[in-house]
Amino acid sequence: MNLPNTLTVARCILAGIFVVLMSFDHSLCYFIAYIVFVLAALTDYYDGKIAREQNLITNFGKLLDPVADKILMVAGFIMLMRVPDLSIPAWAVIAILAREYLITGARTLAASEGAILPANVWGKAKTVIQMAYVFVILALVIVHRFVYYMPPLRDAMPCTEEFSAQILHWLSFGGIILVSIYTVVSGIQFTWANWNALKLHDI
């Protein structure tokens, strides 16, 4: 197994570790899970980069890389839903997951017809936005808990813990709404741009 494929497999394993750590409502577990998620995201960047630069693109990588990406993002959003500090409605996550799997199905359909549907700028931006949401919201949870656990830091804060918790609550809620909207819109744009390639005009 070459290095890019090894990194892809590692991303799947790291996603599993992330899920286990996030299953415990403990600040230390959240902190370690955050590091694991960052490492997994880095493998997403470097496996493709190395594969292209060293001409190590394989069918195994083509198959598993998008699957590993989906596993990581599904893990991120679903486990964030379990964090009591946040407000992430299930319907928003369902909308995100529905888009991801519909596009994966579309690519599979196109591949069966001998066509390749590469990710466009909308899709790439969508991935960045999704990962950024997980990065930022989980980091805010960790910082919030750390600050209000330490009396000197808590006393130095200009607002109460309850007010800070409300801000975190609404940031997580508003953020996931925006992420879900952009994700769905990017899916619609992808479908429209590839309508003919997918032969959807045959309906």
C-alpha atoms as a PDB file:
ATOM      1  CA  MET A   1       0.000   0.000   0.000  1.00  0.00           C
ATOM      2  CA  ASN A   2       1.464   3.347  -1.023  1.00  0.00           C
ATOM      3  CA  LEU A   3       1.680   6.412   1.222  1.00  0.00           C
ATOM      4  CA  PRO A   4      -1.449   8.268  -0.039  1.00  0.00           C
ATOM      5  CA  ASN A   5      -3.606   5.182   0.463  1.00  0.00           C
ATOM      6  CA  THR A   6      -2.081   4.631   3.896  1.00  0.00           C
ATOM      7  CA  LEU A   7      -3.055   8.201   4.826  1.00  0.00           C
ATOM      8  CA  THR A   8      -6.576   7.602   3.541  1.00  0.00           C
ATOM      9  CA  VAL A   9      -6.944   4.460   5.668  1.00  0.00           C
ATOM     10  CA  ALA A  10      -5.490   6.387   8.611  1.00  0.00           C
ATOM     11  CA  ARG A  11      -8.214   9.010   8.161  1.00  0.00           C
ATOM     12  CA  CYS A  12     -10.880   6.336   8.573  1.00  0.00           C
ATOM     13  CA  ILE A  13      -9.183   5.062  11.722  1.00  0.00           C
ATOM     14  CA  LEU A  14      -8.781   8.582  13.124  1.00  0.00           C
ATOM     15  CA  ALA A  15     -12.477   9.232  12.478  1.00  0.00           C
ATOM     16  CA  GLY A  16     -13.298   6.179  14.583  1.00  0.00           C
ATOM     17  CA  ILE A  17     -11.021   7.399  17.377  1.00  0.00           C
ATOM     18  CA  PHE A  18     -12.681  10.817  17.164  1.00  0.00           C
ATOM     19  CA  VAL A  19     -16.112   9.217  17.618  1.00  0.00           C
ATOM     20  CA  VAL A  20     -14.960   7.258  20.671  1.00  0.00           C
ATOM     21  CA  LEU A  21     -13.429  10.331  22.314  1.00  0.00           C
ATOM     22  CA  MET A  22     -16.447  12.535  21.592  1.00  0.00           C
ATOM     23  CA  SER A  23     -18.703   9.909  23.167  1.00  0.00           C
ATOM     24  CA  PHE A  24     -17.498  11.098  26.580  1.00  0.00           C
ATOM     25  CA  ASP A  25     -18.755  14.463  27.818  1.00  0.00           C
ATOM     26  CA  HIS A  26     -15.382  15.465  29.223  1.00  0.00           C
ATOM     27  CA  SER A  27     -13.259  18.486  28.332  1.00  0.00           C
ATOM     28  CA  LEU A  28     -10.027  16.488  28.069  1.00  0.00           C
ATOM     29  CA  CYS A  29     -11.674  14.002  25.713  1.00  0.00           C
ATOM     30  CA  TYR A  30     -12.956  16.901  23.602  1.00  0.00           C
ATOM     31  CA  PHE A  31      -9.455  18.397  23.466  1.00  0.00           C
ATOM     32  CA  ILE A  32      -7.845  15.132  22.349  1.00  0.00           C
ATOM     33  CA  ALA A  33     -10.684  14.594  19.861  1.00  0.00           C
ATOM     34  CA  TYR A  34      -9.975  18.042  18.423  1.00  0.00           C
ATOM     35  CA  ILE A  35      -6.326  17.129  17.831  1.00  0.00           C
ATOM     36  CA  VAL A  36      -7.402  13.845  16.229  1.00  0.00           C
ATOM     37  CA  PHE A  37      -9.803  15.683  13.907  1.00  0.00           C
ATOM     38  CA  VAL A  38      -7.068  18.123  12.873  1.00  0.00           C
ATOM     39  CA  LEU A  39      -4.720  15.226  12.095  1.00  0.00           C
ATOM     40  CA  ALA A  40      -7.442  13.501  10.078  1.00  0.00           C
ATOM     41  CA  ALA A  41      -8.086  16.704   8.110  1.00  0.00           C
ATOM     42  CA  LEU A  42      -4.360  16.974   7.351  1.00  0.00           C
ATOM     43  CA  THR A  43      -4.368  13.456   5.898  1.00  0.00           C
ATOM     44  CA  ASP A  44      -7.189  14.593   3.606  1.00  0.00           C
ATOM     45  CA  TYR A  45      -4.920  17.327   2.245  1.00  0.00           C
ATOM     46  CA  TYR A  46      -1.693  15.371   1.977  1.00  0.00           C
ATOM     47  CA  ASP A  47      -2.977  12.088   0.528  1.00  0.00           C
ATOM     48  CA  GLY A  48      -4.266  13.864  -2.579  1.00  0.00           C
ATOM     49  CA  LYS A  49      -1.245  16.148  -2.814  1.00  0.00           C
ATOM     50  CA  ILE A  50       1.255  13.278  -2.607  1.00  0.00           C
ATOM     51  CA  ALA A  51      -0.755  11.077  -4.972  1.00  0.00           C
ATOM     52  CA  ARG A  52      -0.789  13.788  -7.647  1.00  0.00           C
ATOM     53  CA  GLU A  53       2.815  14.903  -7.266  1.00  0.00           C
ATOM     54  CA  GLN A  54       4.258  11.379  -7.209  1.00  0.00           C
ATOM     55  CA  ASN A  55       1.771   9.849  -9.667  1.00  0.00           C
ATOM     56  CA  LEU A  56       0.504   7.381  -7.065  1.00  0.00           C
ATOM     57  CA  ILE A  57      -3.176   7.589  -8.000  1.00  0.00           C
ATOM     58  CA  THR A  58      -4.810   4.157  -7.735  1.00  0.00           C
ATOM     59  CA  ASN A  59      -8.324   2.756  -8.058  1.00  0.00           C
ATOM     60  CA  PHE A  60      -8.192   1.927  -4.340  1.00  0.00           C
ATOM     61  CA  GLY A  61      -7.514   5.577  -3.567  1.00  0.00           C
ATOM     62  CA  LYS A  62     -10.221   6.807  -5.949  1.00  0.00           C
ATOM     63  CA  LEU A  63     -12.710   4.560  -4.172  1.00  0.00           C
ATOM     64  CA  LEU A  64     -11.716   5.061  -0.557  1.00  0.00           C
ATOM     65  CA  ASP A  65     -10.679   8.731  -0.481  1.00  0.00           C
ATOM     66  CA  PRO A  66     -14.189  10.200  -0.914  1.00  0.00           C
ATOM     67  CA  VAL A  67     -15.580   7.551   1.438  1.00  0.00           C
ATOM     68  CA  ALA A  68     -13.018   8.508   4.099  1.00  0.00           C
ATOM     69  CA  ASP A  69     -13.958  12.176   3.658  1.00  0.00           C
ATOM     70  CA  LYS A  70     -17.630  11.387   4.184  1.00  0.00           C
ATOM     71  CA  ILE A  71     -16.885   9.239   7.246  1.00  0.00           C
ATOM     72  CA  LEU A  72     -14.874  12.049   8.838  1.00  0.00           C
ATOM     73  CA  MET A  73     -17.477  14.759   8.209  1.00  0.00           C
ATOM     74  CA  VAL A  74     -20.389  12.532   9.248  1.00  0.00           C
ATOM     75  CA  ALA A  75     -18.505  11.758  12.458  1.00  0.00           C
ATOM     76  CA  GLY A  76     -17.828  15.448  13.051  1.00  0.00           C
ATOM     77  CA  PHE A  77     -21.402  16.676  12.669  1.00  0.00           C
ATOM     78  CA  ILE A  78     -23.123  13.786  14.425  1.00  0.00           C
ATOM     79  CA  MET A  79     -20.802  13.854  17.429  1.00  0.00           C
ATOM     80  CA  LEU A  80     -21.141  17.636  17.746  1.00  0.00           C
ATOM     81  CA  MET A  81     -24.896  17.099  18.026  1.00  0.00           C
ATOM     82  CA  ARG A  82     -24.233  15.213  21.277  1.00  0.00           C
ATOM     83  CA  VAL A  83     -22.304  18.073  22.910  1.00  0.00           C
ATOM     84  CA  PRO A  84     -24.639  19.622  25.520  1.00  0.00           C
ATOM     85  CA  ASP A  85     -23.063  23.066  25.124  1.00  0.00           C
ATOM     86  CA  LEU A  86     -24.263  23.324  21.510  1.00  0.00           C
ATOM     87  CA  SER A  87     -27.527  23.620  19.620  1.00  0.00           C
ATOM     88  CA  ILE A  88     -27.327  21.664  16.358  1.00  0.00           C
ATOM     89  CA  PRO A  89     -30.720  20.627  14.949  1.00  0.00           C
ATOM     90  CA  ALA A  90     -30.907  17.163  13.434  1.00  0.00           C
ATOM     91  CA  TRP A  91     -32.641  18.419  10.280  1.00  0.00           C
ATOM     92  CA  ALA A  92     -29.645  20.589   9.377  1.00  0.00           C
ATOM     93  CA  VAL A  93     -27.265  17.643   9.694  1.00  0.00           C
ATOM     94  CA  ILE A  94     -29.660  15.425   7.720  1.00  0.00           C
ATOM     95  CA  ALA A  95     -29.721  18.027   4.916  1.00  0.00           C
ATOM     96  CA  ILE A  96     -25.918  18.034   4.840  1.00  0.00           C
ATOM     97  CA  LEU A  97     -25.662  14.232   4.800  1.00  0.00           C
ATOM     98  CA  ALA A  98     -28.390  13.906   2.164  1.00  0.00           C
ATOM     99  CA  ARG A  99     -26.470  16.217  -0.167  1.00  0.00           C
ATOM    100  CA  GLU A 100     -23.220  14.337   0.389  1.00  0.00           C
ATOM    101  CA  TYR A 101     -24.655  10.927  -0.381  1.00  0.00           C
ATOM    102  CA  LEU A 102     -26.752  12.124  -3.325  1.00  0.00           C
ATOM    103  CA  ILE A 103     -23.648  13.607  -4.962  1.00  0.00           C
ATOM    104  CA  THR A 104     -21.692  10.434  -4.227  1.00  0.00           C
ATOM    105  CA  GLY A 105     -24.476   8.475  -5.918  1.00  0.00           C
ATOM    106  CA  ALA A 106     -24.395  10.859  -8.878  1.00  0.00           C
ATOM    107  CA  ARG A 107     -20.663  10.351  -9.293  1.00  0.00           C
ATOM    108  CA  THR A 108     -21.147   6.585  -9.130  1.00  0.00           C
ATOM    109  CA  LEU A 109     -23.846   6.812 -11.796  1.00  0.00           C
ATOM    110  CA  ALA A 110     -21.618   8.932 -14.022  1.00  0.00           C
ATOM    111  CA  ALA A 111     -18.693   6.545 -13.542  1.00  0.00           C
ATOM    112  CA  SER A 112     -20.849   3.645 -14.707  1.00  0.00           C
ATOM    113  CA  GLU A 113     -21.342   5.608 -17.949  1.00  0.00           C
ATOM    114  CA  GLY A 114     -17.622   6.269 -18.284  1.00  0.00           C
ATOM    115  CA  ALA A 115     -17.829   9.909 -17.161  1.00  0.00           C
ATOM    116  CA  ILE A 116     -15.873  11.570 -14.362  1.00  0.00           C
ATOM    117  CA  LEU A 117     -17.478  14.403 -12.400  1.00  0.00           C
ATOM    118  CA  PRO A 118     -14.676  16.290 -10.638  1.00  0.00           C
ATOM    119  CA  ALA A 119     -15.293  18.559  -7.675  1.00  0.00           C
ATOM    120  CA  ASN A 120     -15.758  22.193  -8.689  1.00  0.00           C
ATOM    121  CA  VAL A 121     -15.012  25.363  -6.743  1.00  0.00           C
ATOM    122  CA  TRP A 122     -18.415  25.142  -4.997  1.00  0.00           C
ATOM    123  CA  GLY A 123     -17.685  21.644  -3.769  1.00  0.00           C
ATOM    124  CA  LYS A 124     -14.182  22.508  -2.607  1.00  0.00           C
ATOM    125  CA  ALA A 125     -15.454  25.569  -0.747  1.00  0.00           C
ATOM    126  CA  LYS A 126     -18.179  23.422   0.826  1.00  0.00           C
ATOM    127  CA  THR A 127     -15.580  21.033   2.237  1.00  0.00           C
ATOM    128  CA  VAL A 128     -13.539  23.918   3.662  1.00  0.00           C
ATOM    129  CA  ILE A 129     -16.633  25.491   5.233  1.00  0.00           C
ATOM    130  CA  GLN A 130     -17.754  22.212   6.804  1.00  0.00           C
ATOM    131  CA  MET A 131     -14.353  21.483   8.302  1.00  0.00           C
ATOM    132  CA  ALA A 132     -14.003  25.085   9.476  1.00  0.00           C
ATOM    133  CA  TYR A 133     -17.314  24.801  11.308  1.00  0.00           C
ATOM    134  CA  VAL A 134     -16.207  21.696  13.193  1.00  0.00           C
ATOM    135  CA  PHE A 135     -12.807  23.257  13.946  1.00  0.00           C
ATOM    136  CA  VAL A 136     -14.215  26.538  15.247  1.00  0.00           C
ATOM    137  CA  ILE A 137     -17.229  25.256  17.194  1.00  0.00           C
ATOM    138  CA  LEU A 138     -15.355  22.449  18.932  1.00  0.00           C
ATOM    139  CA  ALA A 139     -12.501  24.835  19.752  1.00  0.00           C
ATOM    140  CA  LEU A 140     -14.996  27.294  21.274  1.00  0.00           C
ATOM    141  CA  VAL A 141     -16.486  24.533  23.428  1.00  0.00           C
ATOM    142  CA  ILE A 142     -13.033  23.593  24.726  1.00  0.00           C
ATOM    143  CA  VAL A 143     -12.014  27.213  25.385  1.00  0.00           C
ATOM    144  CA  HIS A 144     -15.336  28.005  27.072  1.00  0.00           C
ATOM    145  CA  ARG A 145     -15.019  25.053  29.430  1.00  0.00           C
ATOM    146  CA  PHE A 146     -11.364  25.771  30.165  1.00  0.00           C
ATOM    147  CA  VAL A 147     -11.926  29.469  30.898  1.00  0.00           C
ATOM    148  CA  TYR A 148     -14.881  28.958  33.224  1.00  0.00           C
ATOM    149  CA  TYR A 149     -13.236  26.019  34.978  1.00  0.00           C
ATOM    150  CA  MET A 150     -10.293  28.204  36.049  1.00  0.00           C
ATOM    151  CA  PRO A 151     -11.394  30.761  38.705  1.00  0.00           C
ATOM    152  CA  PRO A 152      -8.782  33.435  37.779  1.00  0.00           C
ATOM    153  CA  LEU A 153      -9.781  33.301  34.124  1.00  0.00           C
ATOM    154  CA  ARG A 154     -13.481  33.115  34.960  1.00  0.00           C
ATOM    155  CA  ASP A 155     -13.245  36.195  37.160  1.00  0.00           C
ATOM    156  CA  ALA A 156     -11.442  38.115  34.421  1.00  0.00           C
ATOM    157  CA  MET A 157     -14.145  37.467  31.838  1.00  0.00           C
ATOM    158  CA  PRO A 158     -16.346  40.484  31.006  1.00  0.00           C
ATOM    159  CA  CYS A 159     -19.501  38.342  30.879  1.00  0.00           C
ATOM    160  CA  THR A 160     -21.048  35.616  32.979  1.00  0.00           C
ATOM    161  CA  GLU A 161     -20.728  31.924  32.205  1.00  0.00           C
ATOM    162  CA  GLU A 162     -24.453  31.764  31.422  1.00  0.00           C
ATOM    163  CA  PHE A 163     -24.210  34.587  28.883  1.00  0.00           C
ATOM    164  CA  SER A 164     -21.141  33.031  27.285  1.00  0.00           C
ATOM    165  CA  ALA A 165     -22.969  29.706  27.078  1.00  0.00           C
ATOM    166  CA  GLN A 166     -25.872  31.408  25.300  1.00  0.00           C
ATOM    167  CA  ILE A 167     -23.495  32.947  22.765  1.00  0.00           C
ATOM    168  CA  LEU A 168     -21.972  29.527  22.093  1.00  0.00           C
ATOM    169  CA  HIS A 169     -25.460  28.076  21.809  1.00  0.00           C
ATOM    170  CA  TRP A 170     -26.534  30.581  19.148  1.00  0.00           C
ATOM    171  CA  LEU A 171     -23.216  30.521  17.286  1.00  0.00           C
ATOM    172  CA  SER A 172     -23.475  26.767  16.865  1.00  0.00           C
ATOM    173  CA  PHE A 173     -27.113  27.051  15.779  1.00  0.00           C
ATOM    174  CA  GLY A 174     -26.626  29.908  13.328  1.00  0.00           C
ATOM    175  CA  GLY A 175     -23.416  28.412  11.974  1.00  0.00           C
ATOM    176  CA  ILE A 176     -24.905  25.004  11.177  1.00  0.00           C
ATOM    177  CA  ILE A 177     -27.853  26.674   9.424  1.00  0.00           C
ATOM    178  CA  LEU A 178     -25.481  28.595   7.150  1.00  0.00           C
ATOM    179  CA  VAL A 179     -23.344  25.499   6.536  1.00  0.00           C
ATOM    180  CA  SER A 180     -26.385  23.390   5.670  1.00  0.00           C
ATOM    181  CA  ILE A 181     -27.757  26.050   3.306  1.00  0.00           C
ATOM    182  CA  TYR A 182     -24.467  26.401   1.457  1.00  0.00           C
ATOM    183  CA  THR A 183     -24.061  22.618   1.316  1.00  0.00           C
ATOM    184  CA  VAL A 184     -27.497  22.153  -0.259  1.00  0.00           C
ATOM    185  CA  VAL A 185     -26.962  25.047  -2.689  1.00  0.00           C
ATOM    186  CA  SER A 186     -23.608  23.586  -3.766  1.00  0.00           C
ATOM    187  CA  GLY A 187     -25.366  20.266  -4.377  1.00  0.00           C
ATOM    188  CA  ILE A 188     -27.983  21.954  -6.552  1.00  0.00           C
ATOM    189  CA  GLN A 189     -25.249  23.759  -8.486  1.00  0.00           C
ATOM    190  CA  PHE A 190     -23.364  20.481  -8.997  1.00  0.00           C
ATOM    191  CA  THR A 191     -26.499  18.755 -10.296  1.00  0.00           C
ATOM    192  CA  TRP A 192     -27.337  21.636 -12.636  1.00  0.00           C
ATOM    193  CA  ALA A 193     -23.795  21.812 -14.001  1.00  0.00           C
ATOM    194  CA  ASN A 194     -23.712  18.066 -14.647  1.00  0.00           C
ATOM    195  CA  TRP A 195     -27.340  17.569 -15.728  1.00  0.00           C
ATOM    196  CA  ASN A 196     -26.440  16.381 -19.215  1.00  0.00           C
ATOM    197  CA  ALA A 197     -23.534  14.206 -18.059  1.00  0.00           C
ATOM    198  CA  LEU A 198     -25.894  12.449 -15.638  1.00  0.00           C
ATOM    199  CA  LYS A 199     -28.515  12.107 -18.413  1.00  0.00           C
ATOM    200  CA  LEU A 200     -31.184  13.438 -16.076  1.00  0.00           C
ATOM    201  CA  HIS A 201     -33.024  14.933 -19.066  1.00  0.00           C
ATOM    202  CA  ASP A 202     -34.242  11.376 -19.785  1.00  0.00           C
ATOM    203  CA  ILE A 203     -36.835  11.585 -16.992  1.00  0.00           C
END
